[in-house]
Amino acid sequence: MYPKARLDALTDGIFAVAMTLLVLELRVPEQASGDNASLWQALKELWPKFFPYLLSFLVLGNSWLAKVRVRIAGEHVTRAYAVAWLANLFSITCVPFSTMLVGRYGDVPVAIWVYVANLGLNGVTALIMALAMRDAHRQSETDPLAGTLVLIISSALAALVAFFAPRHALWVMLLNALPVFSRTARVVRHGRSTASIE
């Protein structure tokens, strides 16, 4: 048995580093003329790198929130669960690389496939973790499996779209915002119902 607190600490550190490394590919534009128009144009040219950063931050944020929400009845986890957790963290550590790759080569299908395979692996390993310990979890008001399934499905769809329209494939990954909007709407509704009771 492994103490879950140690896995949580490792997880927080890995997520913090991975989410920070994502932004390193974004550089302040070098501009020659120093006027508003040229700076605005240079900022617009950063979009192909910023969009994958935004998607990756969204996916990693959702993944971290799912891990925070899951509560395990005991303080220890099995070896199988710990190994699945480490496999998930491996996929997290690869996200900065795959994000930089797709940021530079966003119109090349292979770069998109590497990126969505990385995110899809994150979803698959999270699913394995959830299924391995489903009976030990005390589920919160939201089931982390929903977000995991959205990640797996959106990754597969983006890989398919990359065959036909590589420039549009990453837009499919915005499906990962659905769990965020769903949770936000639920919180707002819950807040309104609590306010009306008082």
N, C-alpha and C. Protein backbone atom coordinates (compact mmCIF):
# COMPACT_ATOMS: atom_id res chain seq x y z
N MET A 1 0.84 -1.19 0.00
CA MET A 1 0.00 0.00 0.00
C MET A 1 0.89 1.25 0.00
N TYR A 2 0.38 2.28 -0.67
CA TYR A 2 1.13 3.53 -0.80
C TYR A 2 0.30 4.67 -0.21
N PRO A 3 0.94 5.58 0.53
CA PRO A 3 0.18 6.70 1.09
C PRO A 3 -0.30 7.65 -0.01
N LYS A 4 -1.60 7.90 -0.04
CA LYS A 4 -2.17 8.77 -1.06
C LYS A 4 -1.63 10.20 -0.94
N ALA A 5 -1.32 10.63 0.27
CA ALA A 5 -0.81 12.00 0.47
C ALA A 5 0.47 12.23 -0.32
N ARG A 6 1.32 11.19 -0.42
CA ARG A 6 2.56 11.33 -1.19
C ARG A 6 2.27 11.46 -2.68
N LEU A 7 1.31 10.68 -3.18
CA LEU A 7 0.92 10.80 -4.58
C LEU A 7 0.32 12.17 -4.87
N ASP A 8 -0.48 12.68 -3.93
CA ASP A 8 -1.07 14.01 -4.11
C ASP A 8 0.02 15.09 -4.20
N ALA A 9 1.03 14.98 -3.34
CA ALA A 9 2.10 15.97 -3.35
C ALA A 9 2.87 15.92 -4.67
N LEU A 10 3.18 14.71 -5.13
CA LEU A 10 3.88 14.55 -6.41
C LEU A 10 3.02 15.11 -7.55
N THR A 11 1.74 14.82 -7.51
CA THR A 11 0.82 15.29 -8.54
C THR A 11 0.77 16.81 -8.61
N ASP A 12 0.65 17.45 -7.46
CA ASP A 12 0.60 18.92 -7.45
C ASP A 12 1.87 19.52 -8.04
N GLY A 13 3.01 18.94 -7.69
CA GLY A 13 4.28 19.44 -8.22
C GLY A 13 4.39 19.26 -9.73
N ILE A 14 4.00 18.10 -10.22
CA ILE A 14 4.08 17.83 -11.66
C ILE A 14 3.13 18.74 -12.44
N PHE A 15 1.91 18.90 -11.95
CA PHE A 15 0.97 19.78 -12.63
C PHE A 15 1.48 21.22 -12.64
N ALA A 16 2.03 21.67 -11.52
CA ALA A 16 2.53 23.05 -11.45
C ALA A 16 3.64 23.27 -12.46
N VAL A 17 4.57 22.34 -12.55
CA VAL A 17 5.69 22.48 -13.50
C VAL A 17 5.19 22.38 -14.94
N ALA A 18 4.35 21.37 -15.23
CA ALA A 18 3.87 21.18 -16.60
C ALA A 18 3.07 22.39 -17.07
N MET A 19 2.21 22.91 -16.22
CA MET A 19 1.39 24.06 -16.62
C MET A 19 2.23 25.31 -16.79
N THR A 20 3.31 25.42 -16.05
CA THR A 20 4.21 26.56 -16.21
C THR A 20 5.04 26.43 -17.48
N LEU A 21 5.53 25.23 -17.77
CA LEU A 21 6.35 25.03 -18.96
C LEU A 21 5.58 25.31 -20.25
N LEU A 22 4.26 25.16 -20.21
CA LEU A 22 3.45 25.40 -21.40
C LEU A 22 3.68 26.79 -21.98
N VAL A 23 3.83 27.77 -21.11
CA VAL A 23 3.89 29.15 -21.56
C VAL A 23 5.26 29.55 -22.10
N LEU A 24 6.26 28.70 -21.93
CA LEU A 24 7.61 29.06 -22.37
C LEU A 24 7.74 29.22 -23.88
N GLU A 25 6.84 28.59 -24.61
CA GLU A 25 6.89 28.71 -26.08
C GLU A 25 6.39 30.08 -26.54
N LEU A 26 5.63 30.74 -25.69
CA LEU A 26 5.12 32.08 -26.05
C LEU A 26 6.17 33.12 -25.70
N ARG A 27 6.65 33.80 -26.69
CA ARG A 27 7.69 34.81 -26.50
C ARG A 27 7.12 36.19 -26.85
N VAL A 28 7.56 37.18 -26.12
CA VAL A 28 7.17 38.55 -26.44
C VAL A 28 7.70 38.86 -27.83
N PRO A 29 6.83 39.37 -28.72
CA PRO A 29 7.27 39.62 -30.10
C PRO A 29 8.37 40.68 -30.18
N GLU A 30 9.33 40.39 -31.03
CA GLU A 30 10.36 41.38 -31.35
C GLU A 30 9.80 42.21 -32.49
N GLN A 31 9.76 43.50 -32.31
CA GLN A 31 9.22 44.34 -33.38
C GLN A 31 10.21 45.44 -33.73
N ALA A 32 10.28 45.76 -34.98
CA ALA A 32 11.25 46.75 -35.45
C ALA A 32 10.72 48.17 -35.31
N SER A 33 9.47 48.41 -35.66
CA SER A 33 8.99 49.79 -35.75
C SER A 33 8.46 50.35 -34.43
N GLY A 34 7.96 49.53 -33.53
CA GLY A 34 7.50 50.00 -32.24
C GLY A 34 6.17 50.73 -32.27
N ASP A 35 5.35 50.55 -33.31
CA ASP A 35 4.04 51.20 -33.33
C ASP A 35 2.94 50.18 -33.02
N ASN A 36 1.75 50.71 -32.78
CA ASN A 36 0.61 49.86 -32.40
C ASN A 36 0.27 48.82 -33.46
N ALA A 37 0.26 49.22 -34.71
CA ALA A 37 -0.14 48.30 -35.78
C ALA A 37 0.81 47.12 -35.89
N SER A 38 2.11 47.37 -35.84
CA SER A 38 3.06 46.26 -35.98
C SER A 38 3.04 45.36 -34.75
N LEU A 39 2.85 45.95 -33.56
CA LEU A 39 2.75 45.12 -32.35
C LEU A 39 1.48 44.26 -32.40
N TRP A 40 0.37 44.86 -32.81
CA TRP A 40 -0.86 44.10 -32.91
C TRP A 40 -0.70 42.95 -33.90
N GLN A 41 -0.07 43.19 -35.03
CA GLN A 41 0.18 42.14 -36.03
C GLN A 41 1.06 41.04 -35.45
N ALA A 42 2.10 41.42 -34.72
CA ALA A 42 2.99 40.43 -34.10
C ALA A 42 2.24 39.59 -33.06
N LEU A 43 1.35 40.21 -32.30
CA LEU A 43 0.55 39.46 -31.32
C LEU A 43 -0.41 38.49 -32.01
N LYS A 44 -1.00 38.92 -33.13
CA LYS A 44 -1.89 38.02 -33.88
C LYS A 44 -1.13 36.81 -34.42
N GLU A 45 0.13 37.02 -34.77
CA GLU A 45 0.94 35.92 -35.28
C GLU A 45 1.28 34.89 -34.20
N LEU A 46 1.10 35.25 -32.93
CA LEU A 46 1.31 34.30 -31.83
C LEU A 46 0.14 33.32 -31.66
N TRP A 47 -1.00 33.59 -32.30
CA TRP A 47 -2.19 32.77 -32.11
C TRP A 47 -1.95 31.27 -32.33
N PRO A 48 -1.23 30.85 -33.38
CA PRO A 48 -1.01 29.41 -33.56
C PRO A 48 -0.28 28.75 -32.39
N LYS A 49 0.48 29.51 -31.62
CA LYS A 49 1.15 28.96 -30.44
C LYS A 49 0.29 29.14 -29.20
N PHE A 50 -0.49 30.22 -29.14
CA PHE A 50 -1.30 30.48 -27.96
C PHE A 50 -2.48 29.52 -27.87
N PHE A 51 -3.09 29.19 -29.00
CA PHE A 51 -4.27 28.32 -28.98
C PHE A 51 -3.96 26.94 -28.38
N PRO A 52 -2.90 26.24 -28.80
CA PRO A 52 -2.58 24.97 -28.15
C PRO A 52 -2.25 25.14 -26.65
N TYR A 53 -1.60 26.25 -26.30
CA TYR A 53 -1.33 26.53 -24.88
C TYR A 53 -2.64 26.62 -24.11
N LEU A 54 -3.60 27.35 -24.66
CA LEU A 54 -4.90 27.50 -24.01
C LEU A 54 -5.60 26.15 -23.86
N LEU A 55 -5.60 25.35 -24.92
CA LEU A 55 -6.22 24.02 -24.86
C LEU A 55 -5.54 23.14 -23.82
N SER A 56 -4.22 23.14 -23.82
CA SER A 56 -3.47 22.30 -22.88
C SER A 56 -3.72 22.74 -21.44
N PHE A 57 -3.75 24.03 -21.21
CA PHE A 57 -4.02 24.53 -19.86
C PHE A 57 -5.41 24.12 -19.41
N LEU A 58 -6.38 24.18 -20.33
CA LEU A 58 -7.75 23.76 -20.03
C LEU A 58 -7.79 22.28 -19.66
N VAL A 59 -7.14 21.44 -20.47
CA VAL A 59 -7.14 20.00 -20.22
C VAL A 59 -6.42 19.68 -18.91
N LEU A 60 -5.26 20.27 -18.70
CA LEU A 60 -4.52 20.01 -17.46
C LEU A 60 -5.28 20.53 -16.25
N GLY A 61 -5.90 21.69 -16.39
CA GLY A 61 -6.69 22.22 -15.28
C GLY A 61 -7.85 21.30 -14.93
N ASN A 62 -8.56 20.81 -15.96
CA ASN A 62 -9.65 19.86 -15.72
C ASN A 62 -9.15 18.59 -15.06
N SER A 63 -8.01 18.10 -15.53
CA SER A 63 -7.44 16.87 -14.99
C SER A 63 -7.06 17.05 -13.52
N TRP A 64 -6.44 18.18 -13.21
CA TRP A 64 -6.05 18.44 -11.82
C TRP A 64 -7.29 18.57 -10.94
N LEU A 65 -8.30 19.31 -11.41
CA LEU A 65 -9.53 19.47 -10.63
C LEU A 65 -10.21 18.13 -10.38
N ALA A 66 -10.18 17.24 -11.37
CA ALA A 66 -10.78 15.92 -11.19
C ALA A 66 -10.06 15.15 -10.09
N LYS A 67 -8.74 15.26 -10.06
CA LYS A 67 -7.98 14.56 -9.02
C LYS A 67 -8.25 15.15 -7.64
N VAL A 68 -8.45 16.45 -7.59
CA VAL A 68 -8.73 17.10 -6.31
C VAL A 68 -10.11 16.68 -5.79
N ARG A 69 -11.09 16.57 -6.70
CA ARG A 69 -12.46 16.24 -6.29
C ARG A 69 -12.62 14.81 -5.83
N VAL A 70 -11.80 13.89 -6.35
CA VAL A 70 -11.96 12.48 -5.99
C VAL A 70 -11.42 12.27 -4.58
N ARG A 71 -12.23 11.68 -3.78
CA ARG A 71 -11.83 11.36 -2.41
C ARG A 71 -11.80 9.84 -2.27
N ILE A 72 -10.77 9.35 -1.70
CA ILE A 72 -10.64 7.91 -1.47
C ILE A 72 -10.91 7.65 0.00
N ALA A 73 -11.64 6.57 0.26
CA ALA A 73 -12.07 6.27 1.63
C ALA A 73 -10.89 6.11 2.58
N GLY A 74 -9.82 5.50 2.13
CA GLY A 74 -8.67 5.29 3.00
C GLY A 74 -7.55 6.27 2.71
N GLU A 75 -6.50 6.16 3.49
CA GLU A 75 -5.34 7.03 3.30
C GLU A 75 -4.28 6.39 2.41
N HIS A 76 -4.48 5.13 2.02
CA HIS A 76 -3.52 4.40 1.20
C HIS A 76 -4.18 3.90 -0.07
N VAL A 77 -3.36 3.69 -1.09
CA VAL A 77 -3.85 3.16 -2.36
C VAL A 77 -3.07 1.90 -2.70
N THR A 78 -3.65 1.09 -3.58
CA THR A 78 -3.00 -0.14 -3.99
C THR A 78 -1.86 0.14 -4.97
N ARG A 79 -1.04 -0.86 -5.18
CA ARG A 79 0.06 -0.73 -6.14
C ARG A 79 -0.47 -0.48 -7.55
N ALA A 80 -1.53 -1.19 -7.93
CA ALA A 80 -2.10 -1.02 -9.28
C ALA A 80 -2.58 0.41 -9.48
N TYR A 81 -3.21 0.98 -8.46
CA TYR A 81 -3.68 2.35 -8.55
C TYR A 81 -2.50 3.32 -8.63
N ALA A 82 -1.47 3.09 -7.84
CA ALA A 82 -0.29 3.96 -7.85
C ALA A 82 0.41 3.90 -9.20
N VAL A 83 0.50 2.72 -9.81
CA VAL A 83 1.13 2.59 -11.13
C VAL A 83 0.30 3.33 -12.18
N ALA A 84 -1.03 3.20 -12.12
CA ALA A 84 -1.90 3.92 -13.06
C ALA A 84 -1.74 5.42 -12.86
N TRP A 85 -1.61 5.84 -11.61
CA TRP A 85 -1.43 7.27 -11.29
C TRP A 85 -0.12 7.78 -11.89
N LEU A 86 0.95 6.99 -11.75
CA LEU A 86 2.24 7.39 -12.32
C LEU A 86 2.18 7.44 -13.85
N ALA A 87 1.47 6.49 -14.47
CA ALA A 87 1.31 6.52 -15.93
C ALA A 87 0.58 7.79 -16.35
N ASN A 88 -0.42 8.17 -15.57
CA ASN A 88 -1.15 9.41 -15.85
C ASN A 88 -0.22 10.61 -15.72
N LEU A 89 0.60 10.63 -14.67
CA LEU A 89 1.53 11.74 -14.49
C LEU A 89 2.58 11.79 -15.60
N PHE A 90 2.97 10.62 -16.12
CA PHE A 90 3.89 10.60 -17.26
C PHE A 90 3.27 11.34 -18.44
N SER A 91 1.99 11.06 -18.71
CA SER A 91 1.33 11.74 -19.83
C SER A 91 1.26 13.25 -19.58
N ILE A 92 1.10 13.65 -18.32
CA ILE A 92 1.05 15.08 -17.98
C ILE A 92 2.41 15.73 -18.26
N THR A 93 3.50 15.04 -17.91
CA THR A 93 4.83 15.62 -18.12
C THR A 93 5.15 15.79 -19.61
N CYS A 94 4.49 15.03 -20.48
CA CYS A 94 4.73 15.14 -21.92
C CYS A 94 3.92 16.24 -22.59
N VAL A 95 2.92 16.79 -21.88
CA VAL A 95 2.05 17.80 -22.49
C VAL A 95 2.82 19.05 -22.94
N PRO A 96 3.78 19.59 -22.16
CA PRO A 96 4.50 20.76 -22.69
C PRO A 96 5.19 20.48 -24.04
N PHE A 97 5.80 19.31 -24.18
CA PHE A 97 6.45 18.98 -25.46
C PHE A 97 5.44 18.91 -26.59
N SER A 98 4.35 18.16 -26.38
CA SER A 98 3.39 18.01 -27.48
C SER A 98 2.69 19.33 -27.79
N THR A 99 2.53 20.19 -26.78
CA THR A 99 1.94 21.51 -27.01
C THR A 99 2.87 22.37 -27.86
N MET A 100 4.17 22.35 -27.54
CA MET A 100 5.13 23.12 -28.33
C MET A 100 5.21 22.60 -29.76
N LEU A 101 5.14 21.27 -29.90
CA LEU A 101 5.19 20.65 -31.23
C LEU A 101 4.02 21.12 -32.08
N VAL A 102 2.81 21.03 -31.54
CA VAL A 102 1.64 21.43 -32.32
C VAL A 102 1.57 22.95 -32.46
N GLY A 103 2.17 23.69 -31.54
CA GLY A 103 2.23 25.14 -31.68
C GLY A 103 3.10 25.57 -32.84
N ARG A 104 4.14 24.82 -33.10
CA ARG A 104 5.05 25.15 -34.22
C ARG A 104 4.58 24.55 -35.55
N TYR A 105 3.96 23.37 -35.48
CA TYR A 105 3.58 22.64 -36.70
C TYR A 105 2.10 22.30 -36.69
N GLY A 106 1.25 23.28 -36.36
CA GLY A 106 -0.18 23.05 -36.21
C GLY A 106 -0.91 22.64 -37.46
N ASP A 107 -0.30 22.82 -38.62
CA ASP A 107 -0.96 22.41 -39.86
C ASP A 107 -0.40 21.08 -40.38
N VAL A 108 0.43 20.42 -39.60
CA VAL A 108 1.00 19.12 -39.98
C VAL A 108 0.28 18.02 -39.19
N PRO A 109 -0.39 17.10 -39.87
CA PRO A 109 -1.15 16.07 -39.16
C PRO A 109 -0.36 15.30 -38.10
N VAL A 110 0.90 14.98 -38.37
CA VAL A 110 1.68 14.20 -37.40
C VAL A 110 1.81 14.95 -36.07
N ALA A 111 2.02 16.26 -36.13
CA ALA A 111 2.12 17.05 -34.90
C ALA A 111 0.80 17.01 -34.13
N ILE A 112 -0.30 17.09 -34.85
CA ILE A 112 -1.62 17.04 -34.21
C ILE A 112 -1.85 15.66 -33.61
N TRP A 113 -1.45 14.62 -34.32
CA TRP A 113 -1.64 13.26 -33.79
C TRP A 113 -0.83 13.03 -32.52
N VAL A 114 0.40 13.54 -32.49
CA VAL A 114 1.22 13.42 -31.28
C VAL A 114 0.53 14.15 -30.12
N TYR A 115 0.03 15.33 -30.40
CA TYR A 115 -0.61 16.14 -29.37
C TYR A 115 -1.87 15.45 -28.82
N VAL A 116 -2.76 15.05 -29.72
CA VAL A 116 -4.01 14.45 -29.25
C VAL A 116 -3.78 13.05 -28.68
N ALA A 117 -2.75 12.35 -29.15
CA ALA A 117 -2.41 11.05 -28.54
C ALA A 117 -1.95 11.26 -27.10
N ASN A 118 -1.16 12.31 -26.88
CA ASN A 118 -0.70 12.64 -25.54
C ASN A 118 -1.89 12.95 -24.62
N LEU A 119 -2.80 13.80 -25.09
CA LEU A 119 -3.97 14.15 -24.28
C LEU A 119 -4.90 12.95 -24.12
N GLY A 120 -5.04 12.17 -25.18
CA GLY A 120 -5.86 10.96 -25.09
C GLY A 120 -5.30 9.96 -24.09
N LEU A 121 -3.96 9.82 -24.06
CA LEU A 121 -3.32 8.94 -23.07
C LEU A 121 -3.60 9.43 -21.66
N ASN A 122 -3.61 10.74 -21.48
CA ASN A 122 -3.97 11.31 -20.19
C ASN A 122 -5.38 10.84 -19.80
N GLY A 123 -6.31 10.91 -20.74
CA GLY A 123 -7.67 10.48 -20.47
C GLY A 123 -7.78 8.99 -20.19
N VAL A 124 -7.09 8.17 -20.98
CA VAL A 124 -7.15 6.72 -20.79
C VAL A 124 -6.58 6.31 -19.43
N THR A 125 -5.43 6.88 -19.06
CA THR A 125 -4.85 6.52 -17.76
C THR A 125 -5.71 7.02 -16.61
N ALA A 126 -6.35 8.18 -16.78
CA ALA A 126 -7.28 8.67 -15.74
C ALA A 126 -8.49 7.75 -15.63
N LEU A 127 -8.96 7.24 -16.76
CA LEU A 127 -10.08 6.30 -16.76
C LEU A 127 -9.70 5.01 -16.04
N ILE A 128 -8.51 4.51 -16.32
CA ILE A 128 -8.03 3.29 -15.65
C ILE A 128 -7.96 3.51 -14.14
N MET A 129 -7.45 4.67 -13.73
CA MET A 129 -7.40 4.99 -12.29
C MET A 129 -8.79 5.00 -11.68
N ALA A 130 -9.71 5.67 -12.36
CA ALA A 130 -11.07 5.79 -11.82
C ALA A 130 -11.75 4.43 -11.73
N LEU A 131 -11.57 3.61 -12.74
CA LEU A 131 -12.21 2.29 -12.72
C LEU A 131 -11.55 1.36 -11.71
N ALA A 132 -10.24 1.49 -11.53
CA ALA A 132 -9.52 0.63 -10.59
C ALA A 132 -9.96 0.87 -9.15
N MET A 133 -10.31 2.08 -8.84
CA MET A 133 -10.65 2.41 -7.45
C MET A 133 -12.08 2.92 -7.31
N ARG A 134 -12.93 2.61 -8.27
CA ARG A 134 -14.30 3.16 -8.25
C ARG A 134 -15.03 2.86 -6.94
N ASP A 135 -14.88 1.64 -6.43
CA ASP A 135 -15.59 1.30 -5.20
C ASP A 135 -14.99 1.98 -3.97
N ALA A 136 -13.71 2.37 -4.05
CA ALA A 136 -13.07 3.03 -2.91
C ALA A 136 -13.29 4.54 -2.92
N HIS A 137 -13.73 5.07 -4.04
CA HIS A 137 -13.95 6.53 -4.14
C HIS A 137 -15.24 6.90 -3.44
N ARG A 138 -15.18 7.97 -2.73
CA ARG A 138 -16.41 8.62 -2.28
C ARG A 138 -16.64 9.72 -3.30
N GLN A 139 -17.54 9.50 -4.22
CA GLN A 139 -17.73 10.44 -5.31
C GLN A 139 -18.26 11.77 -4.81
N SER A 140 -17.79 12.83 -5.41
CA SER A 140 -18.30 14.16 -5.11
C SER A 140 -19.59 14.36 -5.89
N GLU A 141 -20.09 15.57 -5.91
CA GLU A 141 -21.33 15.85 -6.61
C GLU A 141 -21.18 15.68 -8.13
N THR A 142 -19.96 15.68 -8.63
CA THR A 142 -19.74 15.47 -10.05
C THR A 142 -18.85 14.25 -10.23
N ASP A 143 -19.13 13.51 -11.26
CA ASP A 143 -18.37 12.30 -11.54
C ASP A 143 -17.19 12.65 -12.45
N PRO A 144 -15.94 12.40 -12.01
CA PRO A 144 -14.79 12.76 -12.85
C PRO A 144 -14.72 11.95 -14.14
N LEU A 145 -15.50 10.87 -14.24
CA LEU A 145 -15.46 10.07 -15.47
C LEU A 145 -16.02 10.85 -16.66
N ALA A 146 -16.95 11.74 -16.43
CA ALA A 146 -17.54 12.50 -17.54
C ALA A 146 -16.47 13.30 -18.27
N GLY A 147 -15.67 14.06 -17.53
CA GLY A 147 -14.61 14.85 -18.15
C GLY A 147 -13.56 13.98 -18.82
N THR A 148 -13.28 12.83 -18.22
CA THR A 148 -12.31 11.90 -18.78
C THR A 148 -12.79 11.35 -20.12
N LEU A 149 -14.06 10.99 -20.19
CA LEU A 149 -14.62 10.48 -21.44
C LEU A 149 -14.66 11.55 -22.51
N VAL A 150 -14.95 12.79 -22.14
CA VAL A 150 -14.93 13.89 -23.11
C VAL A 150 -13.52 14.06 -23.67
N LEU A 151 -12.50 13.95 -22.81
CA LEU A 151 -11.11 14.08 -23.27
C LEU A 151 -10.74 12.97 -24.25
N ILE A 152 -11.11 11.75 -23.95
CA ILE A 152 -10.78 10.62 -24.84
C ILE A 152 -11.50 10.78 -26.18
N ILE A 153 -12.79 11.10 -26.14
CA ILE A 153 -13.58 11.23 -27.37
C ILE A 153 -13.09 12.41 -28.21
N SER A 154 -12.84 13.55 -27.57
CA SER A 154 -12.39 14.73 -28.33
C SER A 154 -11.02 14.49 -28.95
N SER A 155 -10.15 13.76 -28.25
CA SER A 155 -8.83 13.44 -28.81
C SER A 155 -8.96 12.57 -30.04
N ALA A 156 -9.84 11.56 -29.98
CA ALA A 156 -10.05 10.68 -31.13
C ALA A 156 -10.66 11.45 -32.30
N LEU A 157 -11.63 12.31 -32.02
CA LEU A 157 -12.24 13.11 -33.09
C LEU A 157 -11.23 14.06 -33.73
N ALA A 158 -10.40 14.70 -32.89
CA ALA A 158 -9.39 15.62 -33.43
C ALA A 158 -8.40 14.88 -34.32
N ALA A 159 -8.03 13.66 -33.94
CA ALA A 159 -7.11 12.85 -34.76
C ALA A 159 -7.74 12.56 -36.12
N LEU A 160 -9.05 12.26 -36.13
CA LEU A 160 -9.74 12.00 -37.40
C LEU A 160 -9.83 13.26 -38.25
N VAL A 161 -10.18 14.37 -37.63
CA VAL A 161 -10.30 15.63 -38.37
C VAL A 161 -8.95 16.03 -38.98
N ALA A 162 -7.85 15.69 -38.30
CA ALA A 162 -6.51 16.04 -38.80
C ALA A 162 -6.21 15.40 -40.15
N PHE A 163 -6.84 14.28 -40.46
CA PHE A 163 -6.66 13.64 -41.77
C PHE A 163 -7.16 14.55 -42.89
N PHE A 164 -8.27 15.26 -42.63
CA PHE A 164 -8.94 16.02 -43.67
C PHE A 164 -8.71 17.53 -43.59
N ALA A 165 -8.65 18.04 -42.36
CA ALA A 165 -8.53 19.49 -42.17
C ALA A 165 -7.64 19.77 -40.96
N PRO A 166 -6.32 19.60 -41.13
CA PRO A 166 -5.42 19.75 -39.98
C PRO A 166 -5.55 21.09 -39.26
N ARG A 167 -5.80 22.15 -40.00
CA ARG A 167 -5.89 23.48 -39.36
C ARG A 167 -7.10 23.61 -38.43
N HIS A 168 -8.09 22.76 -38.62
CA HIS A 168 -9.31 22.85 -37.81
C HIS A 168 -9.38 21.76 -36.74
N ALA A 169 -8.46 20.83 -36.75
CA ALA A 169 -8.54 19.68 -35.84
C ALA A 169 -8.51 20.08 -34.37
N LEU A 170 -7.69 21.05 -34.02
CA LEU A 170 -7.57 21.42 -32.61
C LEU A 170 -8.84 22.06 -32.06
N TRP A 171 -9.67 22.63 -32.92
CA TRP A 171 -10.93 23.23 -32.45
C TRP A 171 -11.82 22.18 -31.80
N VAL A 172 -11.69 20.93 -32.23
CA VAL A 172 -12.48 19.85 -31.62
C VAL A 172 -12.15 19.72 -30.13
N MET A 173 -10.92 20.03 -29.76
CA MET A 173 -10.50 19.90 -28.36
C MET A 173 -11.22 20.88 -27.44
N LEU A 174 -11.89 21.88 -28.01
CA LEU A 174 -12.68 22.79 -27.17
C LEU A 174 -13.86 22.09 -26.51
N LEU A 175 -14.17 20.88 -26.98
CA LEU A 175 -15.20 20.09 -26.29
C LEU A 175 -14.84 19.88 -24.82
N ASN A 176 -13.56 19.97 -24.51
CA ASN A 176 -13.12 19.79 -23.12
C ASN A 176 -13.55 20.93 -22.21
N ALA A 177 -14.07 21.99 -22.79
CA ALA A 177 -14.61 23.08 -21.98
C ALA A 177 -16.01 22.73 -21.47
N LEU A 178 -16.68 21.75 -22.07
CA LEU A 178 -18.04 21.40 -21.66
C LEU A 178 -18.13 21.03 -20.18
N PRO A 179 -17.24 20.17 -19.66
CA PRO A 179 -17.34 19.85 -18.22
C PRO A 179 -17.16 21.08 -17.34
N VAL A 180 -16.33 22.02 -17.76
CA VAL A 180 -16.12 23.24 -16.98
C VAL A 180 -17.40 24.06 -16.95
N PHE A 181 -18.02 24.25 -18.14
CA PHE A 181 -19.26 25.02 -18.20
C PHE A 181 -20.38 24.31 -17.45
N SER A 182 -20.41 22.99 -17.53
CA SER A 182 -21.43 22.22 -16.83
C SER A 182 -21.31 22.40 -15.32
N ARG A 183 -20.07 22.29 -14.81
CA ARG A 183 -19.85 22.47 -13.37
C ARG A 183 -20.17 23.90 -12.94
N THR A 184 -19.78 24.87 -13.75
CA THR A 184 -20.05 26.27 -13.41
C THR A 184 -21.54 26.53 -13.35
N ALA A 185 -22.29 26.00 -14.32
CA ALA A 185 -23.75 26.18 -14.32
C ALA A 185 -24.36 25.52 -13.09
N ARG A 186 -23.86 24.35 -12.72
CA ARG A 186 -24.37 23.65 -11.55
C ARG A 186 -24.10 24.45 -10.28
N VAL A 187 -22.91 25.04 -10.18
CA VAL A 187 -22.56 25.85 -9.01
C VAL A 187 -23.44 27.08 -8.94
N VAL A 188 -23.68 27.73 -10.09
CA VAL A 188 -24.53 28.92 -10.12
C VAL A 188 -25.95 28.55 -9.71
N ARG A 189 -26.48 27.45 -10.26
CA ARG A 189 -27.84 27.02 -9.88
C ARG A 189 -27.91 26.69 -8.40
N HIS A 190 -26.88 26.00 -7.90
CA HIS A 190 -26.85 25.63 -6.48
C HIS A 190 -26.79 26.89 -5.61
N GLY A 191 -26.01 27.87 -6.02
CA GLY A 191 -25.90 29.13 -5.28
C GLY A 191 -27.22 29.87 -5.25
N ARG A 192 -27.95 29.87 -6.37
CA ARG A 192 -29.25 30.54 -6.42
C ARG A 192 -30.26 29.83 -5.53
N SER A 193 -30.24 28.48 -5.57
CA SER A 193 -31.21 27.75 -4.74
C SER A 193 -30.90 27.92 -3.26
N THR A 194 -29.61 28.00 -2.91
CA THR A 194 -29.24 28.24 -1.52
C THR A 194 -29.65 29.64 -1.09
N ALA A 195 -29.48 30.62 -1.96
CA ALA A 195 -29.85 32.00 -1.64
C ALA A 195 -31.36 32.14 -1.48
N SER A 196 -32.13 31.42 -2.29
CA SER A 196 -33.59 31.53 -2.18
C SER A 196 -34.12 30.85 -0.93
N ILE A 197 -33.41 29.86 -0.41
CA ILE A 197 -33.81 29.19 0.83
C ILE A 197 -33.61 30.12 2.01
N GLU A 198 -32.53 30.88 1.98
CA GLU A 198 -32.21 31.79 3.09
C GLU A 198 -33.09 32.97 3.01
